[in-house]
């Protein structure tokens, strides 16, 4: 019974930390913020995450698990590269939507100079994981003749991810229509 309650508490801490990461940034919330919002002691948080760095690495793992679920789902259910790309864009938008929320990975990247090396390494792995998924679908699209682009697939994947993240940020100010406009324009550049 205690183990179930402990697992539940850990999940609650992670869920709130993810929300705060997306609305305030990693460096702008504290264990005190978490304990106040959850009605628990800071010691309870330290029990699960002795250092904030441990919490940050756990958040990176949570993001990676989300990526893996979504990417596996796309590979399984969407064999066509364009549908996979549309799903990626839709998921990116969903993950970053909400009151003052931004992409959690982008939020972590904005604090990169302040983060410990264990978190920087975890963030770099997340970046690579996302880029590899996009590169895979772009290369598949190019091989099938349904997408066309010059240069290396990895570089094109980086451009797409950067365009998506930038459009997400700009849409916070200029509205969601901007995200659709930018990403539709980008997709137009991939047409054969």
N, C-alpha and C. Protein backbone atom coordinates (compact mmCIF):
# COMPACT_ATOMS: atom_id res chain seq x y z
N UNK A 1 0.82 -1.21 0.00
CA UNK A 1 0.00 0.00 0.00
C UNK A 1 0.86 1.26 0.00
N UNK A 2 1.90 1.28 0.83
CA UNK A 2 2.77 2.45 0.91
C UNK A 2 3.47 2.68 -0.42
N UNK A 3 3.89 1.60 -1.09
CA UNK A 3 4.58 1.73 -2.36
C UNK A 3 3.66 2.35 -3.42
N UNK A 4 2.38 1.95 -3.46
CA UNK A 4 1.43 2.52 -4.40
C UNK A 4 1.24 4.01 -4.13
N UNK A 5 1.09 4.36 -2.86
CA UNK A 5 0.91 5.76 -2.49
C UNK A 5 2.16 6.56 -2.86
N UNK A 6 3.34 5.96 -2.63
CA UNK A 6 4.59 6.61 -2.95
C UNK A 6 4.72 6.84 -4.46
N UNK A 7 4.35 5.84 -5.25
CA UNK A 7 4.38 5.96 -6.72
C UNK A 7 3.42 7.06 -7.18
N UNK A 8 2.23 7.07 -6.57
CA UNK A 8 1.23 8.08 -6.90
C UNK A 8 1.76 9.47 -6.56
N UNK A 9 2.40 9.62 -5.41
CA UNK A 9 2.94 10.92 -5.01
C UNK A 9 4.03 11.37 -5.99
N UNK A 10 4.89 10.44 -6.37
CA UNK A 10 5.96 10.76 -7.32
C UNK A 10 5.36 11.23 -8.64
N UNK A 11 4.33 10.56 -9.11
CA UNK A 11 3.66 10.96 -10.35
C UNK A 11 3.03 12.34 -10.21
N UNK A 12 2.45 12.64 -9.06
CA UNK A 12 1.86 13.97 -8.82
C UNK A 12 2.93 15.06 -8.87
N UNK A 13 4.06 14.77 -8.24
CA UNK A 13 5.17 15.73 -8.24
C UNK A 13 5.64 15.98 -9.67
N UNK A 14 5.83 14.92 -10.43
CA UNK A 14 6.28 15.06 -11.82
C UNK A 14 5.26 15.82 -12.68
N UNK A 15 3.99 15.53 -12.49
CA UNK A 15 2.96 16.21 -13.28
C UNK A 15 2.96 17.71 -13.01
N UNK A 16 3.04 18.08 -11.74
CA UNK A 16 3.06 19.50 -11.40
C UNK A 16 4.37 20.14 -11.88
N UNK A 17 5.48 19.45 -11.71
CA UNK A 17 6.77 19.99 -12.16
C UNK A 17 6.75 20.22 -13.67
N UNK A 18 6.11 19.31 -14.41
CA UNK A 18 6.00 19.48 -15.86
C UNK A 18 5.19 20.73 -16.19
N UNK A 19 4.09 20.91 -15.48
CA UNK A 19 3.26 22.10 -15.70
C UNK A 19 4.06 23.37 -15.40
N UNK A 20 4.79 23.37 -14.29
CA UNK A 20 5.59 24.55 -13.93
C UNK A 20 6.73 24.76 -14.91
N UNK A 21 7.33 23.68 -15.39
CA UNK A 21 8.37 23.78 -16.40
C UNK A 21 7.83 24.49 -17.63
N UNK A 22 6.63 24.13 -18.06
CA UNK A 22 6.05 24.69 -19.28
C UNK A 22 5.52 26.10 -19.11
N UNK A 23 5.26 26.51 -17.89
CA UNK A 23 4.70 27.86 -17.68
C UNK A 23 5.70 28.83 -17.06
N UNK A 24 6.69 28.30 -16.32
CA UNK A 24 7.63 29.19 -15.63
C UNK A 24 9.09 28.95 -16.00
N UNK A 25 9.41 27.79 -16.52
CA UNK A 25 10.80 27.42 -16.78
C UNK A 25 11.37 26.66 -15.60
N UNK A 26 12.34 25.84 -15.85
CA UNK A 26 12.89 24.96 -14.81
C UNK A 26 13.53 25.74 -13.67
N UNK A 27 14.26 26.77 -13.98
CA UNK A 27 14.97 27.53 -12.95
C UNK A 27 14.04 28.45 -12.15
N UNK A 28 12.81 28.61 -12.59
CA UNK A 28 11.91 29.57 -11.93
C UNK A 28 10.88 28.95 -11.01
N UNK A 29 11.00 27.66 -10.72
CA UNK A 29 10.14 27.09 -9.67
C UNK A 29 11.02 26.32 -8.69
N UNK A 30 10.50 26.20 -7.48
CA UNK A 30 11.27 25.58 -6.41
C UNK A 30 10.51 24.42 -5.79
N UNK A 31 11.20 23.69 -4.94
CA UNK A 31 10.53 22.62 -4.19
C UNK A 31 9.46 23.22 -3.28
N UNK A 32 9.67 24.45 -2.83
CA UNK A 32 8.64 25.11 -2.02
C UNK A 32 7.37 25.33 -2.84
N UNK A 33 7.52 25.72 -4.10
CA UNK A 33 6.36 25.88 -4.98
C UNK A 33 5.61 24.56 -5.12
N UNK A 34 6.36 23.49 -5.32
CA UNK A 34 5.74 22.17 -5.45
C UNK A 34 5.04 21.74 -4.17
N UNK A 35 5.72 21.92 -3.04
CA UNK A 35 5.13 21.47 -1.77
C UNK A 35 3.88 22.28 -1.42
N UNK A 36 3.91 23.57 -1.68
CA UNK A 36 2.73 24.41 -1.40
C UNK A 36 1.55 24.00 -2.25
N UNK A 37 1.80 23.80 -3.53
CA UNK A 37 0.71 23.46 -4.45
C UNK A 37 0.15 22.06 -4.18
N UNK A 38 1.00 21.14 -3.77
CA UNK A 38 0.55 19.76 -3.54
C UNK A 38 0.12 19.51 -2.10
N UNK A 39 0.41 20.47 -1.22
CA UNK A 39 0.05 20.28 0.19
C UNK A 39 0.88 19.19 0.87
N UNK A 40 2.14 19.10 0.49
CA UNK A 40 3.04 18.13 1.10
C UNK A 40 4.30 18.85 1.56
N UNK A 41 5.12 18.16 2.33
CA UNK A 41 6.35 18.77 2.80
C UNK A 41 7.43 18.70 1.72
N UNK A 42 8.41 19.61 1.84
CA UNK A 42 9.54 19.55 0.92
C UNK A 42 10.31 18.24 1.11
N UNK A 43 10.30 17.73 2.34
CA UNK A 43 10.98 16.46 2.62
C UNK A 43 10.37 15.32 1.78
N UNK A 44 9.07 15.38 1.57
CA UNK A 44 8.41 14.36 0.74
C UNK A 44 8.91 14.43 -0.70
N UNK A 45 9.13 15.63 -1.19
CA UNK A 45 9.66 15.80 -2.54
C UNK A 45 11.10 15.31 -2.60
N UNK A 46 11.89 15.67 -1.59
CA UNK A 46 13.29 15.23 -1.54
C UNK A 46 13.40 13.71 -1.42
N UNK A 47 12.40 13.08 -0.85
CA UNK A 47 12.39 11.62 -0.76
C UNK A 47 12.42 11.01 -2.17
N UNK A 48 11.67 11.58 -3.08
CA UNK A 48 11.59 11.07 -4.45
C UNK A 48 12.69 11.64 -5.35
N UNK A 49 13.03 12.89 -5.11
CA UNK A 49 14.02 13.59 -5.94
C UNK A 49 14.96 14.35 -5.00
N UNK A 50 16.03 13.70 -4.54
CA UNK A 50 16.92 14.32 -3.55
C UNK A 50 17.42 15.71 -3.96
N UNK A 51 17.71 15.89 -5.25
CA UNK A 51 18.16 17.20 -5.74
C UNK A 51 17.25 17.63 -6.88
N UNK A 52 17.20 18.90 -7.13
CA UNK A 52 16.38 19.38 -8.24
C UNK A 52 16.90 18.82 -9.56
N UNK A 53 18.18 18.60 -9.63
CA UNK A 53 18.77 17.97 -10.81
C UNK A 53 18.13 16.60 -11.07
N UNK A 54 17.87 15.85 -10.01
CA UNK A 54 17.22 14.54 -10.16
C UNK A 54 15.81 14.70 -10.72
N UNK A 55 15.12 15.72 -10.25
CA UNK A 55 13.79 16.02 -10.78
C UNK A 55 13.88 16.40 -12.26
N UNK A 56 14.87 17.18 -12.61
CA UNK A 56 15.06 17.59 -14.01
C UNK A 56 15.33 16.41 -14.92
N UNK A 57 16.17 15.49 -14.48
CA UNK A 57 16.45 14.29 -15.28
C UNK A 57 15.18 13.45 -15.41
N UNK A 58 14.40 13.37 -14.33
CA UNK A 58 13.13 12.62 -14.39
C UNK A 58 12.15 13.28 -15.36
N UNK A 59 12.14 14.60 -15.42
CA UNK A 59 11.29 15.30 -16.39
C UNK A 59 11.73 14.99 -17.82
N UNK A 60 13.03 14.95 -18.03
CA UNK A 60 13.55 14.58 -19.36
C UNK A 60 13.11 13.16 -19.72
N UNK A 61 13.16 12.26 -18.75
CA UNK A 61 12.73 10.88 -19.00
C UNK A 61 11.24 10.84 -19.33
N UNK A 62 10.45 11.64 -18.65
CA UNK A 62 9.01 11.71 -18.91
C UNK A 62 8.74 12.21 -20.33
N UNK A 63 9.49 13.22 -20.76
CA UNK A 63 9.35 13.73 -22.13
C UNK A 63 9.75 12.66 -23.13
N UNK A 64 10.84 11.95 -22.84
CA UNK A 64 11.30 10.89 -23.75
C UNK A 64 10.25 9.78 -23.86
N UNK A 65 9.64 9.41 -22.74
CA UNK A 65 8.59 8.39 -22.78
C UNK A 65 7.41 8.85 -23.62
N UNK A 66 7.06 10.13 -23.51
CA UNK A 66 5.97 10.69 -24.32
C UNK A 66 6.35 10.61 -25.80
N UNK A 67 7.59 11.03 -26.11
CA UNK A 67 8.08 10.93 -27.49
C UNK A 67 7.98 9.50 -27.99
N UNK A 68 8.49 8.57 -27.20
CA UNK A 68 8.52 7.16 -27.64
C UNK A 68 7.11 6.62 -27.89
N UNK A 69 6.17 6.97 -27.03
CA UNK A 69 4.78 6.53 -27.25
C UNK A 69 4.25 7.10 -28.56
N UNK A 70 4.41 8.39 -28.74
CA UNK A 70 3.88 9.05 -29.93
C UNK A 70 4.59 8.58 -31.19
N UNK A 71 5.90 8.48 -31.16
CA UNK A 71 6.65 8.08 -32.34
C UNK A 71 6.33 6.63 -32.71
N UNK A 72 6.21 5.77 -31.71
CA UNK A 72 5.86 4.37 -31.98
C UNK A 72 4.46 4.28 -32.58
N UNK A 73 3.55 5.07 -32.03
CA UNK A 73 2.18 5.11 -32.56
C UNK A 73 2.19 5.55 -34.02
N UNK A 74 2.97 6.57 -34.32
CA UNK A 74 3.03 7.07 -35.70
C UNK A 74 3.61 6.02 -36.64
N UNK A 75 4.67 5.37 -36.22
CA UNK A 75 5.28 4.33 -37.08
C UNK A 75 4.31 3.18 -37.33
N UNK A 76 3.55 2.84 -36.31
CA UNK A 76 2.63 1.71 -36.39
C UNK A 76 1.37 2.05 -37.18
N UNK A 77 0.81 3.22 -36.95
CA UNK A 77 -0.50 3.55 -37.49
C UNK A 77 -0.48 4.46 -38.71
N UNK A 78 0.67 5.07 -39.00
CA UNK A 78 0.75 6.03 -40.09
C UNK A 78 1.95 5.73 -40.97
N UNK A 79 1.83 4.78 -41.85
CA UNK A 79 2.97 4.41 -42.68
C UNK A 79 3.36 5.50 -43.69
N UNK A 80 2.44 6.37 -44.02
CA UNK A 80 2.68 7.40 -45.03
C UNK A 80 3.40 8.59 -44.38
N UNK A 81 4.54 9.05 -44.95
CA UNK A 81 5.33 10.12 -44.34
C UNK A 81 4.57 11.42 -44.08
N UNK A 82 3.68 11.82 -45.00
CA UNK A 82 2.94 13.07 -44.79
C UNK A 82 2.03 12.97 -43.58
N UNK A 83 1.37 11.85 -43.39
CA UNK A 83 0.49 11.70 -42.22
C UNK A 83 1.31 11.70 -40.94
N UNK A 84 2.50 11.11 -40.99
CA UNK A 84 3.39 11.13 -39.82
C UNK A 84 3.83 12.55 -39.48
N UNK A 85 4.17 13.31 -40.52
CA UNK A 85 4.57 14.69 -40.30
C UNK A 85 3.42 15.50 -39.73
N UNK A 86 2.23 15.35 -40.28
CA UNK A 86 1.06 16.06 -39.74
C UNK A 86 0.80 15.68 -38.29
N UNK A 87 0.97 14.41 -37.95
CA UNK A 87 0.79 13.96 -36.57
C UNK A 87 1.82 14.62 -35.66
N UNK A 88 3.07 14.67 -36.09
CA UNK A 88 4.13 15.32 -35.29
C UNK A 88 3.78 16.78 -35.02
N UNK A 89 3.33 17.49 -36.03
CA UNK A 89 2.98 18.90 -35.87
C UNK A 89 1.79 19.05 -34.94
N UNK A 90 0.79 18.18 -35.09
CA UNK A 90 -0.39 18.23 -34.22
C UNK A 90 0.00 17.96 -32.76
N UNK A 91 0.84 16.94 -32.55
CA UNK A 91 1.27 16.62 -31.19
C UNK A 91 2.09 17.75 -30.58
N UNK A 92 2.95 18.36 -31.39
CA UNK A 92 3.76 19.48 -30.89
C UNK A 92 2.86 20.61 -30.42
N UNK A 93 1.85 20.90 -31.21
CA UNK A 93 0.91 21.95 -30.87
C UNK A 93 0.12 21.60 -29.61
N UNK A 94 -0.36 20.36 -29.53
CA UNK A 94 -1.12 19.93 -28.35
C UNK A 94 -0.27 20.00 -27.08
N UNK A 95 0.98 19.57 -27.17
CA UNK A 95 1.85 19.51 -26.00
C UNK A 95 2.18 20.90 -25.47
N UNK A 96 2.19 21.88 -26.36
CA UNK A 96 2.56 23.23 -25.97
C UNK A 96 1.35 24.13 -25.73
N UNK A 97 0.15 23.62 -25.94
CA UNK A 97 -1.03 24.46 -25.77
C UNK A 97 -1.44 24.56 -24.31
N UNK A 98 -2.11 25.64 -24.00
CA UNK A 98 -2.60 25.88 -22.65
C UNK A 98 -2.15 27.26 -22.22
N UNK A 99 -2.67 27.67 -21.12
CA UNK A 99 -2.38 29.00 -20.59
C UNK A 99 -0.88 29.18 -20.36
N UNK A 100 -0.26 30.02 -21.17
CA UNK A 100 1.16 30.36 -21.05
C UNK A 100 2.11 29.17 -21.13
N UNK A 101 1.71 28.08 -21.77
CA UNK A 101 2.57 26.90 -21.86
C UNK A 101 3.44 26.96 -23.10
N UNK A 102 4.64 26.40 -22.96
CA UNK A 102 5.51 26.23 -24.11
C UNK A 102 5.97 24.78 -24.14
N UNK A 103 6.57 24.39 -25.22
CA UNK A 103 7.12 23.05 -25.37
C UNK A 103 8.08 22.81 -24.20
N UNK A 104 7.93 21.70 -23.47
CA UNK A 104 8.80 21.47 -22.32
C UNK A 104 10.27 21.36 -22.70
N UNK A 105 10.55 20.78 -23.85
CA UNK A 105 11.94 20.67 -24.29
C UNK A 105 12.51 22.06 -24.60
N UNK A 106 11.72 22.90 -25.23
CA UNK A 106 12.16 24.28 -25.50
C UNK A 106 12.39 25.03 -24.19
N UNK A 107 11.54 24.79 -23.22
CA UNK A 107 11.71 25.43 -21.92
C UNK A 107 13.03 25.02 -21.28
N UNK A 108 13.33 23.74 -21.31
CA UNK A 108 14.61 23.26 -20.76
C UNK A 108 15.79 23.86 -21.53
N UNK A 109 15.66 23.93 -22.85
CA UNK A 109 16.75 24.47 -23.66
C UNK A 109 17.02 25.94 -23.34
N UNK A 110 15.99 26.67 -22.97
CA UNK A 110 16.19 28.09 -22.67
C UNK A 110 16.99 28.30 -21.38
N UNK A 111 17.03 27.29 -20.52
CA UNK A 111 17.79 27.37 -19.27
C UNK A 111 19.13 26.64 -19.36
N UNK A 112 19.54 26.21 -20.54
CA UNK A 112 20.67 25.30 -20.70
C UNK A 112 21.95 25.77 -20.01
N UNK A 113 22.23 27.05 -20.02
CA UNK A 113 23.46 27.56 -19.39
C UNK A 113 23.44 27.46 -17.88
N UNK A 114 22.27 27.24 -17.30
CA UNK A 114 22.15 27.17 -15.85
C UNK A 114 22.01 25.75 -15.33
N UNK A 115 21.90 24.79 -16.23
CA UNK A 115 21.59 23.42 -15.83
C UNK A 115 22.84 22.57 -15.64
N UNK A 116 22.75 21.58 -14.73
CA UNK A 116 23.89 20.67 -14.52
C UNK A 116 24.10 19.76 -15.73
N UNK A 117 25.28 19.21 -15.82
CA UNK A 117 25.65 18.41 -17.00
C UNK A 117 24.75 17.20 -17.20
N UNK A 118 24.26 16.59 -16.13
CA UNK A 118 23.38 15.43 -16.29
C UNK A 118 22.10 15.81 -17.03
N UNK A 119 21.58 16.99 -16.74
CA UNK A 119 20.38 17.46 -17.44
C UNK A 119 20.72 17.87 -18.88
N UNK A 120 21.85 18.51 -19.07
CA UNK A 120 22.26 18.90 -20.43
C UNK A 120 22.40 17.67 -21.31
N UNK A 121 22.98 16.61 -20.76
CA UNK A 121 23.12 15.36 -21.52
C UNK A 121 21.76 14.77 -21.85
N UNK A 122 20.84 14.79 -20.88
CA UNK A 122 19.49 14.25 -21.10
C UNK A 122 18.75 15.08 -22.16
N UNK A 123 18.94 16.38 -22.15
CA UNK A 123 18.30 17.26 -23.14
C UNK A 123 18.88 16.98 -24.53
N UNK A 124 20.18 16.82 -24.61
CA UNK A 124 20.81 16.51 -25.90
C UNK A 124 20.28 15.19 -26.47
N UNK A 125 20.07 14.21 -25.61
CA UNK A 125 19.50 12.93 -26.05
C UNK A 125 18.07 13.11 -26.54
N UNK A 126 17.31 13.95 -25.85
CA UNK A 126 15.93 14.23 -26.29
C UNK A 126 15.93 14.92 -27.65
N UNK A 127 16.81 15.90 -27.81
CA UNK A 127 16.91 16.58 -29.10
C UNK A 127 17.19 15.57 -30.21
N UNK A 128 18.16 14.70 -29.97
CA UNK A 128 18.55 13.72 -30.97
C UNK A 128 17.41 12.76 -31.28
N UNK A 129 16.69 12.37 -30.26
CA UNK A 129 15.55 11.45 -30.42
C UNK A 129 14.51 12.06 -31.36
N UNK A 130 14.20 13.32 -31.14
CA UNK A 130 13.21 14.02 -31.96
C UNK A 130 13.72 14.21 -33.40
N UNK A 131 14.96 14.61 -33.53
CA UNK A 131 15.53 14.84 -34.85
C UNK A 131 15.58 13.53 -35.65
N UNK A 132 15.94 12.44 -35.00
CA UNK A 132 15.99 11.14 -35.69
C UNK A 132 14.61 10.73 -36.21
N UNK A 133 13.57 10.97 -35.43
CA UNK A 133 12.22 10.64 -35.88
C UNK A 133 11.87 11.42 -37.13
N UNK A 134 12.15 12.72 -37.12
CA UNK A 134 11.84 13.57 -38.28
C UNK A 134 12.70 13.17 -39.47
N UNK A 135 13.98 12.90 -39.24
CA UNK A 135 14.86 12.50 -40.34
C UNK A 135 14.37 11.20 -40.97
N UNK A 136 13.93 10.29 -40.15
CA UNK A 136 13.40 9.01 -40.65
C UNK A 136 12.21 9.23 -41.58
N UNK A 137 11.27 10.06 -41.16
CA UNK A 137 10.08 10.26 -42.00
C UNK A 137 10.42 11.05 -43.25
N UNK A 138 11.35 12.00 -43.15
CA UNK A 138 11.76 12.76 -44.34
C UNK A 138 12.46 11.86 -45.34
N UNK A 139 13.36 11.02 -44.86
CA UNK A 139 14.08 10.12 -45.77
C UNK A 139 13.11 9.13 -46.42
N UNK A 140 12.17 8.65 -45.65
CA UNK A 140 11.16 7.75 -46.21
C UNK A 140 10.36 8.49 -47.29
N UNK A 141 9.98 9.73 -47.02
CA UNK A 141 9.25 10.52 -48.00
C UNK A 141 10.06 10.76 -49.26
N UNK A 142 11.35 11.02 -49.10
CA UNK A 142 12.20 11.24 -50.27
C UNK A 142 12.35 9.95 -51.07
N UNK A 143 12.56 8.83 -50.40
CA UNK A 143 12.72 7.56 -51.10
C UNK A 143 11.44 7.14 -51.83
N UNK A 144 10.30 7.49 -51.26
CA UNK A 144 9.02 7.16 -51.91
C UNK A 144 8.65 8.16 -53.00
N UNK A 145 9.40 9.25 -53.08
CA UNK A 145 9.12 10.26 -54.09
C UNK A 145 7.97 11.19 -53.75
N UNK A 146 7.53 11.19 -52.48
CA UNK A 146 6.42 12.06 -52.08
C UNK A 146 6.91 13.34 -51.40
N UNK A 147 8.22 13.40 -51.11
CA UNK A 147 8.85 14.59 -50.54
C UNK A 147 10.14 14.83 -51.29
N UNK A 148 10.50 16.10 -51.39
CA UNK A 148 11.73 16.45 -52.09
C UNK A 148 12.42 17.58 -51.35
N UNK A 149 13.72 17.45 -51.19
CA UNK A 149 14.51 18.51 -50.58
C UNK A 149 15.97 18.28 -50.96
N UNK A 150 16.75 19.35 -50.92
CA UNK A 150 18.17 19.26 -51.24
C UNK A 150 18.95 19.09 -49.94
N UNK A 151 20.10 18.50 -50.06
CA UNK A 151 20.98 18.39 -48.91
C UNK A 151 20.73 17.13 -48.09
N UNK A 152 21.39 17.12 -46.95
CA UNK A 152 21.33 15.96 -46.07
C UNK A 152 19.99 15.91 -45.32
N UNK A 153 19.52 14.70 -45.14
CA UNK A 153 18.25 14.50 -44.46
C UNK A 153 18.28 15.06 -43.03
N UNK A 154 19.38 14.82 -42.33
CA UNK A 154 19.49 15.32 -40.95
C UNK A 154 19.37 16.84 -40.89
N UNK A 155 20.01 17.52 -41.84
CA UNK A 155 19.93 18.98 -41.86
C UNK A 155 18.50 19.45 -42.12
N UNK A 156 17.81 18.76 -43.01
CA UNK A 156 16.42 19.10 -43.29
C UNK A 156 15.56 18.86 -42.05
N UNK A 157 15.86 17.76 -41.33
CA UNK A 157 15.12 17.46 -40.10
C UNK A 157 15.34 18.55 -39.05
N UNK A 158 16.58 19.02 -38.96
CA UNK A 158 16.86 20.12 -38.02
C UNK A 158 16.08 21.37 -38.39
N UNK A 159 16.04 21.70 -39.69
CA UNK A 159 15.27 22.86 -40.14
C UNK A 159 13.79 22.73 -39.76
N UNK A 160 13.26 21.53 -39.96
CA UNK A 160 11.84 21.32 -39.66
C UNK A 160 11.57 21.48 -38.16
N UNK A 161 12.40 20.85 -37.34
CA UNK A 161 12.21 20.95 -35.88
C UNK A 161 12.35 22.40 -35.43
N UNK A 162 13.35 23.10 -35.94
CA UNK A 162 13.54 24.51 -35.56
C UNK A 162 12.38 25.38 -36.02
N UNK A 163 11.88 25.13 -37.22
CA UNK A 163 10.71 25.88 -37.70
C UNK A 163 9.51 25.63 -36.81
N UNK A 164 9.32 24.38 -36.44
CA UNK A 164 8.18 24.02 -35.58
C UNK A 164 8.29 24.71 -34.22
N UNK A 165 9.46 24.62 -33.59
CA UNK A 165 9.65 25.22 -32.26
C UNK A 165 9.51 26.74 -32.33
N UNK A 166 10.09 27.34 -33.37
CA UNK A 166 9.96 28.79 -33.53
C UNK A 166 8.53 29.21 -33.76
N UNK A 167 7.82 28.45 -34.59
CA UNK A 167 6.41 28.78 -34.86
C UNK A 167 5.57 28.63 -33.58
N UNK A 168 5.90 27.64 -32.77
CA UNK A 168 5.18 27.49 -31.49
C UNK A 168 5.40 28.72 -30.60
N UNK A 169 6.64 29.19 -30.54
CA UNK A 169 6.93 30.37 -29.72
C UNK A 169 6.22 31.61 -30.26
N UNK A 170 6.33 31.84 -31.56
CA UNK A 170 5.71 33.03 -32.15
C UNK A 170 4.19 32.98 -32.05
N UNK A 171 3.62 31.80 -32.10
CA UNK A 171 2.16 31.70 -32.02
C UNK A 171 1.64 32.07 -30.64
N UNK A 172 2.50 32.08 -29.64
CA UNK A 172 2.07 32.52 -28.30
C UNK A 172 1.68 34.00 -28.34
N UNK A 173 2.33 34.75 -29.18
CA UNK A 173 2.05 36.19 -29.31
C UNK A 173 1.06 36.46 -30.43
N UNK A 174 1.25 35.78 -31.56
CA UNK A 174 0.51 36.11 -32.77
C UNK A 174 -0.67 35.19 -33.07
N UNK A 175 -0.93 34.22 -32.21
CA UNK A 175 -2.07 33.33 -32.39
C UNK A 175 -1.72 32.04 -33.12
N UNK A 176 -2.57 31.05 -32.93
CA UNK A 176 -2.32 29.72 -33.47
C UNK A 176 -2.35 29.68 -34.99
N UNK A 177 -3.03 30.62 -35.61
CA UNK A 177 -3.06 30.65 -37.08
C UNK A 177 -1.65 30.79 -37.64
N UNK A 178 -0.78 31.50 -36.92
CA UNK A 178 0.59 31.67 -37.38
C UNK A 178 1.31 30.32 -37.45
N UNK A 179 1.09 29.46 -36.46
CA UNK A 179 1.72 28.14 -36.47
C UNK A 179 1.31 27.39 -37.74
N UNK A 180 0.02 27.38 -38.03
CA UNK A 180 -0.46 26.69 -39.22
C UNK A 180 0.12 27.29 -40.50
N UNK A 181 0.19 28.62 -40.56
CA UNK A 181 0.73 29.28 -41.76
C UNK A 181 2.19 28.90 -41.98
N UNK A 182 2.99 28.95 -40.92
CA UNK A 182 4.41 28.65 -41.04
C UNK A 182 4.62 27.19 -41.43
N UNK A 183 3.92 26.30 -40.75
CA UNK A 183 4.14 24.89 -41.02
C UNK A 183 3.57 24.48 -42.39
N UNK A 184 2.50 25.11 -42.83
CA UNK A 184 2.00 24.84 -44.19
C UNK A 184 3.00 25.33 -45.23
N UNK A 185 3.59 26.47 -44.99
CA UNK A 185 4.62 26.98 -45.90
C UNK A 185 5.82 26.03 -45.92
N UNK A 186 6.21 25.55 -44.75
CA UNK A 186 7.33 24.63 -44.69
C UNK A 186 7.01 23.34 -45.46
N UNK A 187 5.82 22.81 -45.24
CA UNK A 187 5.43 21.57 -45.94
C UNK A 187 5.44 21.80 -47.46
N UNK A 188 5.06 23.00 -47.88
CA UNK A 188 5.07 23.33 -49.30
C UNK A 188 6.48 23.19 -49.88
N UNK A 189 7.50 23.52 -49.09
CA UNK A 189 8.88 23.41 -49.58
C UNK A 189 9.30 21.96 -49.76
N UNK A 190 8.59 21.02 -49.16
CA UNK A 190 8.93 19.60 -49.29
C UNK A 190 8.22 18.92 -50.46
N UNK A 191 7.33 19.65 -51.12
CA UNK A 191 6.60 19.06 -52.24
C UNK A 191 7.55 18.73 -53.38
N UNK A 192 7.37 17.55 -54.01
CA UNK A 192 8.24 17.19 -55.15
C UNK A 192 7.93 18.05 -56.38
